[in-house]
């Protein structure tokens, strides 16, 4: 680490502690050449995940969008907000842990949310499926309901 005062690369760490946000480490260093102290921060390098949209365009992954979709699907359902937040966090964690490339299709994200919503609440699942699968008419909607009902039995 180069000294900000004399540009020497010979320094040593005299103190380390977690930064306020607990996502980085604050290190106090002392330069072995000039003797002055300076602070550095060490944080985990985040690998950005890119979402491939249906039209082929790409945009950065934002976990808040998953939570927004879950909240819309669960609107007026007896599912506590804390449970919705936990579901979104679990889905985001699972998604980021299973993405092998730095890109993921929206269909993969939607299918993962649908699978988890199906376990939580069938009405929320159907609401989300209507948007994700873009039901064109009542027939496709009824087909999804039939599939849901046969899965139960």
C-alpha atoms as a PDB file:
ATOM      1  CA  UNK A   1       0.000   0.000   0.000  1.00  0.00           C
ATOM      2  CA  UNK A   2       1.500   3.328  -1.051  1.00  0.00           C
ATOM      3  CA  UNK A   3       1.858   6.093   1.514  1.00  0.00           C
ATOM      4  CA  UNK A   4      -0.282   9.097   0.600  1.00  0.00           C
ATOM      5  CA  UNK A   5       2.440  11.455   1.917  1.00  0.00           C
ATOM      6  CA  UNK A   6       5.741  10.150   0.486  1.00  0.00           C
ATOM      7  CA  UNK A   7       4.523   7.570  -2.063  1.00  0.00           C
ATOM      8  CA  UNK A   8       6.586   4.814  -0.473  1.00  0.00           C
ATOM      9  CA  UNK A   9       5.141   1.313  -0.736  1.00  0.00           C
ATOM     10  CA  UNK A  10       6.670   0.239   2.592  1.00  0.00           C
ATOM     11  CA  UNK A  11       4.011   0.454   5.329  1.00  0.00           C
ATOM     12  CA  UNK A  12       2.653  -1.719   8.094  1.00  0.00           C
ATOM     13  CA  UNK A  13      -0.764  -2.172   9.706  1.00  0.00           C
ATOM     14  CA  UNK A  14      -1.003  -0.920  13.296  1.00  0.00           C
ATOM     15  CA  UNK A  15      -4.750  -1.381  13.858  1.00  0.00           C
ATOM     16  CA  UNK A  16      -7.633  -3.184  12.099  1.00  0.00           C
ATOM     17  CA  UNK A  17     -11.326  -3.054  12.851  1.00  0.00           C
ATOM     18  CA  UNK A  18     -14.679  -3.400  11.138  1.00  0.00           C
ATOM     19  CA  UNK A  19     -15.975  -0.240   9.548  1.00  0.00           C
ATOM     20  CA  UNK A  20     -19.352   1.149  10.565  1.00  0.00           C
ATOM     21  CA  UNK A  21     -21.266  -0.758   7.901  1.00  0.00           C
ATOM     22  CA  UNK A  22     -19.677  -4.171   8.724  1.00  0.00           C
ATOM     23  CA  UNK A  23     -18.972  -4.704   5.037  1.00  0.00           C
ATOM     24  CA  UNK A  24     -15.424  -3.392   5.132  1.00  0.00           C
ATOM     25  CA  UNK A  25     -12.333  -3.351   7.333  1.00  0.00           C
ATOM     26  CA  UNK A  26     -10.694  -0.115   8.393  1.00  0.00           C
ATOM     27  CA  UNK A  27      -6.907  -0.361   8.693  1.00  0.00           C
ATOM     28  CA  UNK A  28      -4.602   2.214  10.296  1.00  0.00           C
ATOM     29  CA  UNK A  29      -1.173   2.071   8.719  1.00  0.00           C
ATOM     30  CA  UNK A  30       2.148   3.670   9.416  1.00  0.00           C
ATOM     31  CA  UNK A  31       4.664   4.412   6.699  1.00  0.00           C
ATOM     32  CA  UNK A  32       8.072   2.898   7.413  1.00  0.00           C
ATOM     33  CA  UNK A  33       9.785   5.628   5.358  1.00  0.00           C
ATOM     34  CA  UNK A  34       8.255   8.903   6.617  1.00  0.00           C
ATOM     35  CA  UNK A  35       6.557   7.676   9.820  1.00  0.00           C
ATOM     36  CA  UNK A  36       3.169   9.253   9.041  1.00  0.00           C
ATOM     37  CA  UNK A  37      -0.096   7.405   9.602  1.00  0.00           C
ATOM     38  CA  UNK A  38      -2.928   6.920   7.126  1.00  0.00           C
ATOM     39  CA  UNK A  39      -6.128   4.912   6.867  1.00  0.00           C
ATOM     40  CA  UNK A  40      -7.156   2.369   4.241  1.00  0.00           C
ATOM     41  CA  UNK A  41     -10.349   0.405   3.772  1.00  0.00           C
ATOM     42  CA  UNK A  42     -10.638  -3.161   2.557  1.00  0.00           C
ATOM     43  CA  UNK A  43     -13.940  -4.445   1.181  1.00  0.00           C
ATOM     44  CA  UNK A  44     -15.167  -7.458  -0.736  1.00  0.00           C
ATOM     45  CA  UNK A  45     -15.240  -6.951  -4.456  1.00  0.00           C
ATOM     46  CA  UNK A  46     -18.788  -7.466  -5.625  1.00  0.00           C
ATOM     47  CA  UNK A  47     -19.249  -9.142  -8.976  1.00  0.00           C
ATOM     48  CA  UNK A  48     -22.147  -7.414 -10.718  1.00  0.00           C
ATOM     49  CA  UNK A  49     -24.879  -9.693 -12.029  1.00  0.00           C
ATOM     50  CA  UNK A  50     -26.556  -8.656 -15.280  1.00  0.00           C
ATOM     51  CA  UNK A  51     -30.157  -9.571 -16.062  1.00  0.00           C
ATOM     52  CA  UNK A  52     -31.038 -10.532 -19.628  1.00  0.00           C
ATOM     53  CA  UNK A  53     -34.514  -9.211 -20.382  1.00  0.00           C
ATOM     54  CA  UNK A  54     -37.012 -10.906 -22.730  1.00  0.00           C
ATOM     55  CA  UNK A  55     -36.194  -8.463 -25.514  1.00  0.00           C
ATOM     56  CA  UNK A  56     -32.485  -9.312 -25.233  1.00  0.00           C
ATOM     57  CA  UNK A  57     -31.509  -6.079 -23.498  1.00  0.00           C
ATOM     58  CA  UNK A  58     -29.359  -6.221 -20.388  1.00  0.00           C
ATOM     59  CA  UNK A  59     -29.479  -4.331 -17.108  1.00  0.00           C
ATOM     60  CA  UNK A  60     -27.865  -4.612 -13.711  1.00  0.00           C
ATOM     61  CA  UNK A  61     -29.529  -6.914 -11.188  1.00  0.00           C
ATOM     62  CA  UNK A  62     -31.513  -5.129  -8.465  1.00  0.00           C
ATOM     63  CA  UNK A  63     -32.847  -7.309  -5.649  1.00  0.00           C
ATOM     64  CA  UNK A  64     -35.433  -4.667  -4.751  1.00  0.00           C
ATOM     65  CA  UNK A  65     -37.361  -5.621  -7.895  1.00  0.00           C
ATOM     66  CA  UNK A  66     -37.851  -9.150  -6.552  1.00  0.00           C
ATOM     67  CA  UNK A  67     -39.208  -7.744  -3.288  1.00  0.00           C
ATOM     68  CA  UNK A  68     -41.527  -5.387  -5.203  1.00  0.00           C
ATOM     69  CA  UNK A  69     -42.929  -8.292  -7.237  1.00  0.00           C
ATOM     70  CA  UNK A  70     -43.459 -10.385  -4.109  1.00  0.00           C
ATOM     71  CA  UNK A  71     -45.202  -7.508  -2.327  1.00  0.00           C
ATOM     72  CA  UNK A  72     -47.554  -6.965  -5.286  1.00  0.00           C
ATOM     73  CA  UNK A  73     -48.366 -10.687  -5.456  1.00  0.00           C
ATOM     74  CA  UNK A  74     -48.990 -10.845  -1.691  1.00  0.00           C
ATOM     75  CA  UNK A  75     -51.088  -7.684  -1.554  1.00  0.00           C
ATOM     76  CA  UNK A  76     -54.167  -8.164   0.655  1.00  0.00           C
ATOM     77  CA  UNK A  77     -53.023 -11.681   1.556  1.00  0.00           C
ATOM     78  CA  UNK A  78     -52.416 -12.802   5.176  1.00  0.00           C
ATOM     79  CA  UNK A  79     -48.633 -12.904   4.720  1.00  0.00           C
ATOM     80  CA  UNK A  80     -46.624 -10.764   7.150  1.00  0.00           C
ATOM     81  CA  UNK A  81     -44.229  -8.205   5.655  1.00  0.00           C
ATOM     82  CA  UNK A  82     -41.352  -9.838   7.569  1.00  0.00           C
ATOM     83  CA  UNK A  83     -42.094 -13.134   5.818  1.00  0.00           C
ATOM     84  CA  UNK A  84     -42.215 -11.401   2.428  1.00  0.00           C
ATOM     85  CA  UNK A  85     -38.851  -9.723   3.131  1.00  0.00           C
ATOM     86  CA  UNK A  86     -37.319 -13.024   4.233  1.00  0.00           C
ATOM     87  CA  UNK A  87     -38.621 -14.735   1.108  1.00  0.00           C
ATOM     88  CA  UNK A  88     -37.079 -12.035  -1.099  1.00  0.00           C
ATOM     89  CA  UNK A  89     -33.750 -12.244   0.783  1.00  0.00           C
ATOM     90  CA  UNK A  90     -33.719 -16.049   0.457  1.00  0.00           C
ATOM     91  CA  UNK A  91     -34.463 -15.872  -3.265  1.00  0.00           C
ATOM     92  CA  UNK A  92     -31.762 -13.252  -3.863  1.00  0.00           C
ATOM     93  CA  UNK A  93     -29.225 -15.279  -1.883  1.00  0.00           C
ATOM     94  CA  UNK A  94     -30.142 -18.484  -3.738  1.00  0.00           C
ATOM     95  CA  UNK A  95     -29.969 -16.698  -7.069  1.00  0.00           C
ATOM     96  CA  UNK A  96     -26.576 -15.123  -6.427  1.00  0.00           C
ATOM     97  CA  UNK A  97     -25.180 -18.420  -5.129  1.00  0.00           C
ATOM     98  CA  UNK A  98     -26.353 -20.421  -8.144  1.00  0.00           C
ATOM     99  CA  UNK A  99     -25.546 -18.012 -10.974  1.00  0.00           C
ATOM    100  CA  UNK A 100     -22.541 -19.544 -12.678  1.00  0.00           C
ATOM    101  CA  UNK A 101     -22.044 -16.749 -15.165  1.00  0.00           C
ATOM    102  CA  UNK A 102     -22.450 -13.077 -14.433  1.00  0.00           C
ATOM    103  CA  UNK A 103     -25.667 -13.079 -16.447  1.00  0.00           C
ATOM    104  CA  UNK A 104     -29.087 -14.497 -15.635  1.00  0.00           C
ATOM    105  CA  UNK A 105     -32.299 -14.481 -17.667  1.00  0.00           C
ATOM    106  CA  UNK A 106     -35.448 -12.910 -16.267  1.00  0.00           C
ATOM    107  CA  UNK A 107     -37.191 -16.240 -16.878  1.00  0.00           C
ATOM    108  CA  UNK A 108     -34.832 -17.948 -14.396  1.00  0.00           C
ATOM    109  CA  UNK A 109     -35.513 -15.270 -11.777  1.00  0.00           C
ATOM    110  CA  UNK A 110     -39.277 -15.412 -12.352  1.00  0.00           C
ATOM    111  CA  UNK A 111     -39.370 -19.216 -12.178  1.00  0.00           C
ATOM    112  CA  UNK A 112     -37.444 -19.146  -8.899  1.00  0.00           C
ATOM    113  CA  UNK A 113     -39.857 -16.589  -7.405  1.00  0.00           C
ATOM    114  CA  UNK A 114     -42.853 -18.613  -8.645  1.00  0.00           C
ATOM    115  CA  UNK A 115     -41.521 -21.846  -7.134  1.00  0.00           C
ATOM    116  CA  UNK A 116     -41.047 -20.182  -3.753  1.00  0.00           C
ATOM    117  CA  UNK A 117     -44.396 -18.347  -3.860  1.00  0.00           C
ATOM    118  CA  UNK A 118     -46.174 -21.597  -4.709  1.00  0.00           C
ATOM    119  CA  UNK A 119     -44.898 -23.030  -1.406  1.00  0.00           C
ATOM    120  CA  UNK A 120     -45.964 -19.902   0.496  1.00  0.00           C
ATOM    121  CA  UNK A 121     -49.375 -18.923  -0.890  1.00  0.00           C
ATOM    122  CA  UNK A 122     -51.265 -20.217  -3.936  1.00  0.00           C
ATOM    123  CA  UNK A 123     -53.108 -16.962  -4.611  1.00  0.00           C
ATOM    124  CA  UNK A 124     -49.856 -14.970  -4.548  1.00  0.00           C
ATOM    125  CA  UNK A 125     -48.354 -17.608  -6.828  1.00  0.00           C
ATOM    126  CA  UNK A 126     -51.177 -17.235  -9.389  1.00  0.00           C
ATOM    127  CA  UNK A 127     -50.954 -13.428  -9.245  1.00  0.00           C
ATOM    128  CA  UNK A 128     -47.217 -13.536  -9.905  1.00  0.00           C
ATOM    129  CA  UNK A 129     -47.623 -16.195 -12.613  1.00  0.00           C
ATOM    130  CA  UNK A 130     -50.146 -13.989 -14.470  1.00  0.00           C
ATOM    131  CA  UNK A 131     -47.482 -11.323 -14.912  1.00  0.00           C
ATOM    132  CA  UNK A 132     -44.419 -13.561 -15.292  1.00  0.00           C
ATOM    133  CA  UNK A 133     -45.936 -15.968 -17.807  1.00  0.00           C
ATOM    134  CA  UNK A 134     -47.881 -13.183 -19.530  1.00  0.00           C
ATOM    135  CA  UNK A 135     -51.197 -15.027 -19.747  1.00  0.00           C
ATOM    136  CA  UNK A 136     -52.814 -13.989 -23.023  1.00  0.00           C
ATOM    137  CA  UNK A 137     -56.320 -15.212 -22.295  1.00  0.00           C
ATOM    138  CA  UNK A 138     -58.526 -17.005 -19.773  1.00  0.00           C
ATOM    139  CA  UNK A 139     -57.565 -20.402 -21.262  1.00  0.00           C
ATOM    140  CA  UNK A 140     -53.903 -20.114 -20.292  1.00  0.00           C
ATOM    141  CA  UNK A 141     -54.945 -18.844 -16.880  1.00  0.00           C
ATOM    142  CA  UNK A 142     -57.272 -21.825 -16.382  1.00  0.00           C
ATOM    143  CA  UNK A 143     -54.534 -24.218 -17.517  1.00  0.00           C
ATOM    144  CA  UNK A 144     -52.227 -22.866 -14.811  1.00  0.00           C
ATOM    145  CA  UNK A 145     -55.017 -23.267 -12.235  1.00  0.00           C
ATOM    146  CA  UNK A 146     -55.585 -26.874 -13.348  1.00  0.00           C
ATOM    147  CA  UNK A 147     -51.862 -27.587 -13.012  1.00  0.00           C
ATOM    148  CA  UNK A 148     -51.875 -26.084  -9.539  1.00  0.00           C
ATOM    149  CA  UNK A 149     -54.889 -28.137  -8.503  1.00  0.00           C
ATOM    150  CA  UNK A 150     -53.437 -31.427  -9.819  1.00  0.00           C
ATOM    151  CA  UNK A 151     -50.137 -30.696  -8.054  1.00  0.00           C
ATOM    152  CA  UNK A 152     -52.074 -30.469  -4.776  1.00  0.00           C
ATOM    153  CA  UNK A 153     -53.628 -33.899  -5.210  1.00  0.00           C
END
